[in-house]
Amino acid sequence: MKAIVTPGGGLFGPQSITWRIHTEPLGWPAVLRAFQLQALHPRTIRGIAQNCLLDDPEVARARLRRQLAFIAVRTFGTREQAEQAAERVRRVHARLIGLDTDTGTLFRVDDEENLRWVHCVETSSHLEVALRAGVPLTAADADAYVAEQRRSASLVGLRDVPGDVTELRDHLDGMRPYLAATDEARDALRRSAGLQMSWRLALLAPPLALGSLPAAGALAFATLPAWAKEMYGCHAGGAAEYAAGTALKALRAAAAALPERLVAPEIRAARRLMRAVAHAPGAGVAA
């Protein structure tokens, strides 16, 4: 489904911090980072691994593409489009069951704790990657982004989710005793680190013969919090984080240099609306 971009017609709109972040070319590293964090929740990764052929690189890439497409519709589409897309996701998840191999019990993939973890690491990842890439965001902007994502959470039936950066950080920290680098998590990390990210996908542009960015998963991994890297058995220092920030800034600069016609239609439309609002008489701060 292609997002129909209309002023004020969706969940967010041109004055939102969500549009400011999601019109940047940072979707791939953000979703890969989120996946690597999701994998540290044993039931989350078992639910994914037991219902998706992650050992097939094309299947894994297709799953991430679908996630990016859902985020695009949820962000830029009309409210009706966002609700329809979320309903399809809910129907799929409602049919999926996982097996907790530690306890031998079955669980629903759409369990509320699982959905909340997925929401929080996705929100955290988009925000962190944007900050690392040099997107100009104040502390108030970051809080606003987390608060706005409560609208995204409501689409899958979640109500009790963090409303600012402090609450988000506290939730992630509070989950750490329940996380582990299981065999499934390590396997997911290994496979995600090997995924290639094409420039076409990285820049959300139409098909282009611009080669590939082979270390997308490694780039995402370098932006993980220190405690997550340590769970995976990695004690990388500041050099890797600096290199990741440099690469993300370069990706953002390369996207800015592209002709507008090569940018995805929904991004072009959103940017036009954002410019129009910014230059309108009496334009104020994003709500």
C-alpha atoms as a PDB file:
ATOM      1  CA  MET A   1       0.000   0.000   0.000  1.00  0.00           C
ATOM      2  CA  LYS A   2       1.377   3.394  -1.014  1.00  0.00           C
ATOM      3  CA  ALA A   3       0.937   6.115   1.567  1.00  0.00           C
ATOM      4  CA  ILE A   4      -1.406   8.933   0.548  1.00  0.00           C
ATOM      5  CA  VAL A   5       0.141  12.012   2.134  1.00  0.00           C
ATOM      6  CA  THR A   6      -2.400  14.650   3.174  1.00  0.00           C
ATOM      7  CA  PRO A   7      -1.943  17.626   5.529  1.00  0.00           C
ATOM      8  CA  GLY A   8      -3.185  16.614   8.954  1.00  0.00           C
ATOM      9  CA  GLY A   9      -4.824  13.500   7.500  1.00  0.00           C
ATOM     10  CA  GLY A  10      -2.775  10.898   9.354  1.00  0.00           C
ATOM     11  CA  LEU A  11      -1.437  10.145  12.810  1.00  0.00           C
ATOM     12  CA  PHE A  12       1.277  12.815  12.791  1.00  0.00           C
ATOM     13  CA  GLY A  13       1.456  15.560  10.162  1.00  0.00           C
ATOM     14  CA  PRO A  14       4.037  18.055   8.860  1.00  0.00           C
ATOM     15  CA  GLN A  15       4.714  19.727  12.211  1.00  0.00           C
ATOM     16  CA  SER A  16       5.546  16.465  13.966  1.00  0.00           C
ATOM     17  CA  ILE A  17       8.991  15.314  15.032  1.00  0.00           C
ATOM     18  CA  THR A  18       8.038  11.924  13.585  1.00  0.00           C
ATOM     19  CA  TRP A  19       7.915  13.373  10.068  1.00  0.00           C
ATOM     20  CA  ARG A  20      11.207  15.176  10.657  1.00  0.00           C
ATOM     21  CA  ILE A  21      12.928  11.897  11.583  1.00  0.00           C
ATOM     22  CA  HIS A  22      11.200   9.605   9.089  1.00  0.00           C
ATOM     23  CA  THR A  23      11.867  11.828   6.081  1.00  0.00           C
ATOM     24  CA  GLU A  24      15.564  11.080   6.658  1.00  0.00           C
ATOM     25  CA  PRO A  25      17.205   8.118   4.790  1.00  0.00           C
ATOM     26  CA  LEU A  26      17.824   6.132   7.969  1.00  0.00           C
ATOM     27  CA  GLY A  27      15.147   3.442   7.860  1.00  0.00           C
ATOM     28  CA  TRP A  28      17.366   0.433   7.158  1.00  0.00           C
ATOM     29  CA  PRO A  29      19.937   0.937   9.928  1.00  0.00           C
ATOM     30  CA  ALA A  30      17.120   1.777  12.356  1.00  0.00           C
ATOM     31  CA  VAL A  31      15.078  -1.379  11.677  1.00  0.00           C
ATOM     32  CA  LEU A  32      18.205  -3.557  11.782  1.00  0.00           C
ATOM     33  CA  ARG A  33      19.190  -2.038  15.118  1.00  0.00           C
ATOM     34  CA  ALA A  34      15.673  -2.625  16.433  1.00  0.00           C
ATOM     35  CA  PHE A  35      15.810  -6.253  15.267  1.00  0.00           C
ATOM     36  CA  GLN A  36      19.131  -6.813  17.037  1.00  0.00           C
ATOM     37  CA  LEU A  37      17.629  -5.479  20.270  1.00  0.00           C
ATOM     38  CA  GLN A  38      14.383  -7.420  19.791  1.00  0.00           C
ATOM     39  CA  ALA A  39      16.448 -10.594  19.522  1.00  0.00           C
ATOM     40  CA  LEU A  40      17.686 -10.225  23.105  1.00  0.00           C
ATOM     41  CA  HIS A  41      14.155 -10.906  24.392  1.00  0.00           C
ATOM     42  CA  PRO A  42      13.999 -14.739  24.340  1.00  0.00           C
ATOM     43  CA  ARG A  43      10.298 -15.024  23.551  1.00  0.00           C
ATOM     44  CA  THR A  44      10.438 -12.277  20.934  1.00  0.00           C
ATOM     45  CA  ILE A  45      13.221 -13.908  18.928  1.00  0.00           C
ATOM     46  CA  ARG A  46      11.747 -17.396  19.312  1.00  0.00           C
ATOM     47  CA  GLY A  47       8.408 -16.136  18.071  1.00  0.00           C
ATOM     48  CA  ILE A  48      10.133 -14.599  15.044  1.00  0.00           C
ATOM     49  CA  ALA A  49      12.515 -17.484  14.342  1.00  0.00           C
ATOM     50  CA  GLN A  50       9.848 -20.169  14.694  1.00  0.00           C
ATOM     51  CA  ASN A  51       7.498 -18.406  12.276  1.00  0.00           C
ATOM     52  CA  CYS A  52       9.925 -16.941   9.734  1.00  0.00           C
ATOM     53  CA  LEU A  53      12.744 -18.536   7.708  1.00  0.00           C
ATOM     54  CA  LEU A  54      15.459 -16.204   8.942  1.00  0.00           C
ATOM     55  CA  ASP A  55      18.150 -18.534   7.557  1.00  0.00           C
ATOM     56  CA  ASP A  56      17.053 -17.482   4.060  1.00  0.00           C
ATOM     57  CA  PRO A  57      18.619 -14.041   3.409  1.00  0.00           C
ATOM     58  CA  GLU A  58      15.930 -13.048   0.915  1.00  0.00           C
ATOM     59  CA  VAL A  59      13.148 -13.962   3.343  1.00  0.00           C
ATOM     60  CA  ALA A  60      14.897 -11.936   6.061  1.00  0.00           C
ATOM     61  CA  ARG A  61      15.266  -8.944   3.738  1.00  0.00           C
ATOM     62  CA  ALA A  62      11.627  -9.257   2.655  1.00  0.00           C
ATOM     63  CA  ARG A  63      10.545  -9.204   6.306  1.00  0.00           C
ATOM     64  CA  LEU A  64      12.512  -5.999   6.907  1.00  0.00           C
ATOM     65  CA  ARG A  65      11.123  -4.441   3.714  1.00  0.00           C
ATOM     66  CA  ARG A  66       7.583  -5.165   4.899  1.00  0.00           C
ATOM     67  CA  GLN A  67       8.416  -3.559   8.225  1.00  0.00           C
ATOM     68  CA  LEU A  68       9.730  -0.440   6.490  1.00  0.00           C
ATOM     69  CA  ALA A  69       6.630  -0.301   4.289  1.00  0.00           C
ATOM     70  CA  PHE A  70       4.381  -0.548   7.347  1.00  0.00           C
ATOM     71  CA  ILE A  71       6.305   2.241   9.079  1.00  0.00           C
ATOM     72  CA  ALA A  72       5.957   4.419   5.957  1.00  0.00           C
ATOM     73  CA  VAL A  73       2.183   3.947   5.766  1.00  0.00           C
ATOM     74  CA  ARG A  74       1.797   4.408   9.511  1.00  0.00           C
ATOM     75  CA  THR A  75       3.861   7.604   9.391  1.00  0.00           C
ATOM     76  CA  PHE A  76       2.759   9.312   6.181  1.00  0.00           C
ATOM     77  CA  GLY A  77      -0.519   7.672   5.214  1.00  0.00           C
ATOM     78  CA  THR A  78      -4.025   8.703   6.110  1.00  0.00           C
ATOM     79  CA  ARG A  79      -5.462   7.540   9.411  1.00  0.00           C
ATOM     80  CA  GLU A  80      -7.599   5.032   7.504  1.00  0.00           C
ATOM     81  CA  GLN A  81      -4.544   3.627   5.722  1.00  0.00           C
ATOM     82  CA  ALA A  82      -2.621   3.348   8.993  1.00  0.00           C
ATOM     83  CA  GLU A  83      -5.502   1.571  10.710  1.00  0.00           C
ATOM     84  CA  GLN A  84      -5.993  -0.826   7.796  1.00  0.00           C
ATOM     85  CA  ALA A  85      -2.283  -1.682   7.692  1.00  0.00           C
ATOM     86  CA  ALA A  86      -2.226  -2.218  11.465  1.00  0.00           C
ATOM     87  CA  GLU A  87      -5.304  -4.439  11.263  1.00  0.00           C
ATOM     88  CA  ARG A  88      -3.540  -6.671   8.725  1.00  0.00           C
ATOM     89  CA  VAL A  89      -0.515  -6.912  11.022  1.00  0.00           C
ATOM     90  CA  ARG A  90      -2.735  -7.760  14.009  1.00  0.00           C
ATOM     91  CA  ARG A  91      -4.525 -10.494  12.040  1.00  0.00           C
ATOM     92  CA  VAL A  92      -1.224 -12.115  11.063  1.00  0.00           C
ATOM     93  CA  HIS A  93       0.240 -11.922  14.570  1.00  0.00           C
ATOM     94  CA  ALA A  94      -2.945 -13.259  16.171  1.00  0.00           C
ATOM     95  CA  ARG A  95      -2.420 -16.563  14.341  1.00  0.00           C
ATOM     96  CA  LEU A  96       1.203 -17.025  15.410  1.00  0.00           C
ATOM     97  CA  ILE A  97       2.294 -19.166  18.346  1.00  0.00           C
ATOM     98  CA  GLY A  98       5.792 -19.673  19.737  1.00  0.00           C
ATOM     99  CA  LEU A  99       7.365 -22.311  21.961  1.00  0.00           C
ATOM    100  CA  ASP A 100       9.395 -21.212  24.963  1.00  0.00           C
ATOM    101  CA  THR A 101      12.111 -23.875  24.876  1.00  0.00           C
ATOM    102  CA  ASP A 102      13.233 -22.985  28.408  1.00  0.00           C
ATOM    103  CA  THR A 103       9.862 -23.859  29.973  1.00  0.00           C
ATOM    104  CA  GLY A 104       8.187 -25.951  27.275  1.00  0.00           C
ATOM    105  CA  THR A 105       5.174 -23.612  27.241  1.00  0.00           C
ATOM    106  CA  LEU A 106       3.437 -22.077  24.262  1.00  0.00           C
ATOM    107  CA  PHE A 107       2.916 -18.334  23.988  1.00  0.00           C
ATOM    108  CA  ARG A 108       1.208 -15.900  21.664  1.00  0.00           C
ATOM    109  CA  VAL A 109       3.482 -13.798  19.463  1.00  0.00           C
ATOM    110  CA  ASP A 110       1.161 -10.827  20.066  1.00  0.00           C
ATOM    111  CA  ASP A 111       1.593 -11.086  23.844  1.00  0.00           C
ATOM    112  CA  GLU A 112       1.429  -7.569  25.307  1.00  0.00           C
ATOM    113  CA  GLU A 113       4.911  -7.683  26.872  1.00  0.00           C
ATOM    114  CA  ASN A 114       6.367  -8.745  23.542  1.00  0.00           C
ATOM    115  CA  LEU A 115       4.542  -5.998  21.635  1.00  0.00           C
ATOM    116  CA  ARG A 116       5.664  -3.392  24.161  1.00  0.00           C
ATOM    117  CA  TRP A 117       9.301  -4.509  23.861  1.00  0.00           C
ATOM    118  CA  VAL A 118       9.109  -4.357  20.060  1.00  0.00           C
ATOM    119  CA  HIS A 119       7.557  -0.880  20.223  1.00  0.00           C
ATOM    120  CA  CYS A 120      10.171   0.449  22.648  1.00  0.00           C
ATOM    121  CA  VAL A 121      13.223  -0.826  20.787  1.00  0.00           C
ATOM    122  CA  GLU A 122      11.827   0.421  17.482  1.00  0.00           C
ATOM    123  CA  THR A 123      11.214   3.892  18.932  1.00  0.00           C
ATOM    124  CA  SER A 124      14.625   3.922  20.588  1.00  0.00           C
ATOM    125  CA  SER A 125      16.359   2.797  17.392  1.00  0.00           C
ATOM    126  CA  HIS A 126      14.834   5.386  15.070  1.00  0.00           C
ATOM    127  CA  LEU A 127      15.652   8.121  17.575  1.00  0.00           C
ATOM    128  CA  GLU A 128      19.208   6.934  18.281  1.00  0.00           C
ATOM    129  CA  VAL A 129      20.108   6.464  14.612  1.00  0.00           C
ATOM    130  CA  ALA A 130      18.741   9.932  13.796  1.00  0.00           C
ATOM    131  CA  LEU A 131      20.835  11.495  16.557  1.00  0.00           C
ATOM    132  CA  ARG A 132      23.964   9.596  15.472  1.00  0.00           C
ATOM    133  CA  ALA A 133      23.402  10.732  11.887  1.00  0.00           C
ATOM    134  CA  GLY A 134      23.362  14.380  12.898  1.00  0.00           C
ATOM    135  CA  VAL A 135      19.644  15.118  12.560  1.00  0.00           C
ATOM    136  CA  PRO A 136      19.226  18.357  14.567  1.00  0.00           C
ATOM    137  CA  LEU A 137      17.033  17.365  17.514  1.00  0.00           C
ATOM    138  CA  THR A 138      16.799  19.008  20.918  1.00  0.00           C
ATOM    139  CA  ALA A 139      16.047  17.119  24.113  1.00  0.00           C
ATOM    140  CA  ALA A 140      12.475  18.425  23.847  1.00  0.00           C
ATOM    141  CA  ASP A 141      12.273  17.107  20.266  1.00  0.00           C
ATOM    142  CA  ALA A 142      13.428  13.676  21.412  1.00  0.00           C
ATOM    143  CA  ASP A 143      10.783  13.629  24.157  1.00  0.00           C
ATOM    144  CA  ALA A 144       8.141  14.704  21.630  1.00  0.00           C
ATOM    145  CA  TYR A 145       9.118  11.882  19.264  1.00  0.00           C
ATOM    146  CA  VAL A 146       8.702   9.263  21.997  1.00  0.00           C
ATOM    147  CA  ALA A 147       5.343  10.792  22.980  1.00  0.00           C
ATOM    148  CA  GLU A 148       4.147  10.818  19.355  1.00  0.00           C
ATOM    149  CA  GLN A 149       4.976   7.137  19.003  1.00  0.00           C
ATOM    150  CA  ARG A 150       2.234   6.371  21.505  1.00  0.00           C
ATOM    151  CA  ARG A 151      -0.084   6.891  18.520  1.00  0.00           C
ATOM    152  CA  SER A 152       1.760   4.129  16.678  1.00  0.00           C
ATOM    153  CA  ALA A 153       1.473   1.855  19.720  1.00  0.00           C
ATOM    154  CA  SER A 154      -2.271   2.417  19.906  1.00  0.00           C
ATOM    155  CA  LEU A 155      -2.647   0.907  16.415  1.00  0.00           C
ATOM    156  CA  VAL A 156      -1.642  -2.509  17.778  1.00  0.00           C
ATOM    157  CA  GLY A 157      -3.685  -2.120  20.952  1.00  0.00           C
ATOM    158  CA  LEU A 158      -0.944  -0.861  23.286  1.00  0.00           C
ATOM    159  CA  ARG A 159      -1.785   1.922  25.710  1.00  0.00           C
ATOM    160  CA  ASP A 160       0.807   1.783  28.495  1.00  0.00           C
ATOM    161  CA  VAL A 161       4.019   2.747  26.678  1.00  0.00           C
ATOM    162  CA  PRO A 162       6.726   5.335  27.494  1.00  0.00           C
ATOM    163  CA  GLY A 163       5.889   8.983  26.867  1.00  0.00           C
ATOM    164  CA  ASP A 164       9.344  10.562  26.967  1.00  0.00           C
ATOM    165  CA  VAL A 165      13.030   9.653  26.695  1.00  0.00           C
ATOM    166  CA  THR A 166      13.466   9.075  30.431  1.00  0.00           C
ATOM    167  CA  GLU A 167      10.512   6.693  30.578  1.00  0.00           C
ATOM    168  CA  LEU A 168      11.790   4.915  27.470  1.00  0.00           C
ATOM    169  CA  ARG A 169      15.274   4.517  28.930  1.00  0.00           C
ATOM    170  CA  ASP A 170      13.822   3.307  32.232  1.00  0.00           C
ATOM    171  CA  HIS A 171      11.715   0.702  30.449  1.00  0.00           C
ATOM    172  CA  LEU A 172      14.686  -0.620  28.478  1.00  0.00           C
ATOM    173  CA  ASP A 173      16.813  -0.742  31.627  1.00  0.00           C
ATOM    174  CA  GLY A 174      14.009  -2.451  33.544  1.00  0.00           C
ATOM    175  CA  MET A 175      13.815  -5.193  30.927  1.00  0.00           C
ATOM    176  CA  ARG A 176      17.513  -6.066  31.114  1.00  0.00           C
ATOM    177  CA  PRO A 177      17.105  -8.822  33.766  1.00  0.00           C
ATOM    178  CA  TYR A 178      14.717 -10.597  31.369  1.00  0.00           C
ATOM    179  CA  LEU A 179      17.009 -10.404  28.347  1.00  0.00           C
ATOM    180  CA  ALA A 180      19.618 -12.886  27.181  1.00  0.00           C
ATOM    181  CA  ALA A 181      21.824 -13.604  24.198  1.00  0.00           C
ATOM    182  CA  THR A 182      20.259 -16.993  23.476  1.00  0.00           C
ATOM    183  CA  ASP A 183      21.392 -19.225  20.623  1.00  0.00           C
ATOM    184  CA  GLU A 184      18.503 -17.822  18.594  1.00  0.00           C
ATOM    185  CA  ALA A 185      19.594 -14.247  19.366  1.00  0.00           C
ATOM    186  CA  ARG A 186      23.202 -14.898  18.354  1.00  0.00           C
ATOM    187  CA  ASP A 187      22.066 -16.575  15.162  1.00  0.00           C
ATOM    188  CA  ALA A 188      19.779 -13.621  14.378  1.00  0.00           C
ATOM    189  CA  LEU A 189      22.632 -11.186  15.024  1.00  0.00           C
ATOM    190  CA  ARG A 190      24.991 -13.146  12.759  1.00  0.00           C
ATOM    191  CA  ARG A 191      22.441 -13.188   9.963  1.00  0.00           C
ATOM    192  CA  SER A 192      21.492  -9.523  10.328  1.00  0.00           C
ATOM    193  CA  ALA A 193      25.153  -8.478  10.344  1.00  0.00           C
ATOM    194  CA  GLY A 194      25.560 -10.143   6.952  1.00  0.00           C
ATOM    195  CA  LEU A 195      22.588  -8.457   5.316  1.00  0.00           C
ATOM    196  CA  GLN A 196      23.429  -6.071   2.521  1.00  0.00           C
ATOM    197  CA  MET A 197      21.630  -2.759   2.233  1.00  0.00           C
ATOM    198  CA  SER A 198      21.259  -1.397  -1.269  1.00  0.00           C
ATOM    199  CA  TRP A 199      21.533   2.338  -1.822  1.00  0.00           C
ATOM    200  CA  ARG A 200      18.047   2.174  -3.321  1.00  0.00           C
ATOM    201  CA  LEU A 201      16.634   0.873  -0.036  1.00  0.00           C
ATOM    202  CA  ALA A 202      18.892   3.041   2.085  1.00  0.00           C
ATOM    203  CA  LEU A 203      17.752   6.213   0.383  1.00  0.00           C
ATOM    204  CA  LEU A 204      14.113   5.131  -0.076  1.00  0.00           C
ATOM    205  CA  ALA A 205      14.520   5.899  -3.774  1.00  0.00           C
ATOM    206  CA  PRO A 206      13.399   4.112  -6.974  1.00  0.00           C
ATOM    207  CA  PRO A 207      15.703   1.361  -8.361  1.00  0.00           C
ATOM    208  CA  LEU A 208      19.197   2.668  -8.973  1.00  0.00           C
ATOM    209  CA  ALA A 209      22.399   0.905 -10.016  1.00  0.00           C
ATOM    210  CA  LEU A 210      24.454   2.467  -7.231  1.00  0.00           C
ATOM    211  CA  GLY A 211      25.970  -0.672  -5.772  1.00  0.00           C
ATOM    212  CA  SER A 212      25.437  -1.649  -2.146  1.00  0.00           C
ATOM    213  CA  LEU A 213      26.383  -0.779   1.392  1.00  0.00           C
ATOM    214  CA  PRO A 214      27.530  -4.214   2.599  1.00  0.00           C
ATOM    215  CA  ALA A 215      27.844  -3.629   6.335  1.00  0.00           C
ATOM    216  CA  ALA A 216      24.374  -2.350   7.222  1.00  0.00           C
ATOM    217  CA  GLY A 217      23.979  -4.853  10.065  1.00  0.00           C
ATOM    218  CA  ALA A 218      27.424  -4.076  11.447  1.00  0.00           C
ATOM    219  CA  LEU A 219      26.631  -0.353  11.240  1.00  0.00           C
ATOM    220  CA  ALA A 220      23.420  -0.911  13.184  1.00  0.00           C
ATOM    221  CA  PHE A 221      25.231  -3.050  15.770  1.00  0.00           C
ATOM    222  CA  ALA A 222      27.782  -0.282  16.421  1.00  0.00           C
ATOM    223  CA  THR A 223      24.946   2.000  17.578  1.00  0.00           C
ATOM    224  CA  LEU A 224      23.577  -0.459  20.178  1.00  0.00           C
ATOM    225  CA  PRO A 225      23.839   0.500  23.855  1.00  0.00           C
ATOM    226  CA  ALA A 226      26.947  -0.849  25.593  1.00  0.00           C
ATOM    227  CA  TRP A 227      24.951  -3.311  27.695  1.00  0.00           C
ATOM    228  CA  ALA A 228      23.431  -4.903  24.585  1.00  0.00           C
ATOM    229  CA  LYS A 229      26.835  -5.298  22.937  1.00  0.00           C
ATOM    230  CA  GLU A 230      28.156  -6.875  26.127  1.00  0.00           C
ATOM    231  CA  MET A 231      25.276  -9.365  26.154  1.00  0.00           C
ATOM    232  CA  TYR A 232      26.333 -10.391  22.679  1.00  0.00           C
ATOM    233  CA  GLY A 233      29.910 -10.761  23.941  1.00  0.00           C
ATOM    234  CA  CYS A 234      31.307  -7.672  22.260  1.00  0.00           C
ATOM    235  CA  HIS A 235      33.249  -4.995  24.118  1.00  0.00           C
ATOM    236  CA  ALA A 236      33.826  -2.575  21.242  1.00  0.00           C
ATOM    237  CA  GLY A 237      35.290   0.774  22.209  1.00  0.00           C
ATOM    238  CA  GLY A 238      34.557   4.304  21.115  1.00  0.00           C
ATOM    239  CA  ALA A 239      36.296   3.931  17.758  1.00  0.00           C
ATOM    240  CA  ALA A 240      33.532   1.713  16.378  1.00  0.00           C
ATOM    241  CA  GLU A 241      30.842   4.104  17.599  1.00  0.00           C
ATOM    242  CA  TYR A 242      32.664   7.065  16.058  1.00  0.00           C
ATOM    243  CA  ALA A 243      32.963   5.186  12.747  1.00  0.00           C
ATOM    244  CA  ALA A 244      29.245   4.377  12.852  1.00  0.00           C
ATOM    245  CA  GLY A 245      28.342   8.012  13.413  1.00  0.00           C
ATOM    246  CA  THR A 246      30.618   9.065  10.561  1.00  0.00           C
ATOM    247  CA  ALA A 247      29.024   6.490   8.225  1.00  0.00           C
ATOM    248  CA  LEU A 248      25.497   7.564   9.156  1.00  0.00           C
ATOM    249  CA  LYS A 249      26.351  11.218   8.602  1.00  0.00           C
ATOM    250  CA  ALA A 250      27.815  10.307   5.193  1.00  0.00           C
ATOM    251  CA  LEU A 251      24.650   8.387   4.272  1.00  0.00           C
ATOM    252  CA  ARG A 252      22.519  11.379   5.249  1.00  0.00           C
ATOM    253  CA  ALA A 253      24.738  13.753   3.240  1.00  0.00           C
ATOM    254  CA  ALA A 254      24.615  11.484   0.185  1.00  0.00           C
ATOM    255  CA  ALA A 255      20.832  11.407   0.346  1.00  0.00           C
ATOM    256  CA  ALA A 256      20.664  15.191   0.606  1.00  0.00           C
ATOM    257  CA  ALA A 257      22.687  15.460  -2.621  1.00  0.00           C
ATOM    258  CA  LEU A 258      20.256  13.298  -4.611  1.00  0.00           C
ATOM    259  CA  PRO A 259      17.872  14.960  -7.077  1.00  0.00           C
ATOM    260  CA  GLU A 260      14.412  15.263  -5.553  1.00  0.00           C
ATOM    261  CA  ARG A 261      12.899  13.114  -8.324  1.00  0.00           C
ATOM    262  CA  LEU A 262      14.847  10.104  -7.015  1.00  0.00           C
ATOM    263  CA  VAL A 263      13.284  10.278  -3.564  1.00  0.00           C
ATOM    264  CA  ALA A 264      10.280   8.095  -2.723  1.00  0.00           C
ATOM    265  CA  PRO A 265       6.952   9.850  -3.552  1.00  0.00           C
ATOM    266  CA  GLU A 266       5.637   9.842   0.021  1.00  0.00           C
ATOM    267  CA  ILE A 267       8.895  11.389   1.281  1.00  0.00           C
ATOM    268  CA  ARG A 268       8.754  14.083  -1.431  1.00  0.00           C
ATOM    269  CA  ALA A 269       5.154  14.885  -0.567  1.00  0.00           C
ATOM    270  CA  ALA A 270       5.876  14.994   3.163  1.00  0.00           C
ATOM    271  CA  ARG A 271       8.875  17.280   2.662  1.00  0.00           C
ATOM    272  CA  ARG A 272       6.800  19.678   0.531  1.00  0.00           C
ATOM    273  CA  LEU A 273       4.183  19.911   3.259  1.00  0.00           C
ATOM    274  CA  MET A 274       6.840  20.437   5.913  1.00  0.00           C
ATOM    275  CA  ARG A 275       8.379  23.289   3.903  1.00  0.00           C
ATOM    276  CA  ALA A 276       4.973  24.850   3.314  1.00  0.00           C
ATOM    277  CA  VAL A 277       4.154  24.768   7.024  1.00  0.00           C
ATOM    278  CA  ALA A 278       7.582  26.119   7.975  1.00  0.00           C
ATOM    279  CA  HIS A 279       7.159  29.132   5.657  1.00  0.00           C
ATOM    280  CA  ALA A 280       3.516  29.786   6.444  1.00  0.00           C
ATOM    281  CA  PRO A 281       2.713  33.072   8.240  1.00  0.00           C
ATOM    282  CA  GLY A 282       2.648  32.545  11.989  1.00  0.00           C
ATOM    283  CA  ALA A 283       4.173  29.065  11.743  1.00  0.00           C
ATOM    284  CA  GLY A 284       4.714  27.703  15.231  1.00  0.00           C
ATOM    285  CA  VAL A 285       6.367  24.831  16.993  1.00  0.00           C
ATOM    286  CA  ALA A 286       5.332  21.251  16.184  1.00  0.00           C
ATOM    287  CA  ALA A 287       2.489  19.986  18.302  1.00  0.00           C
END
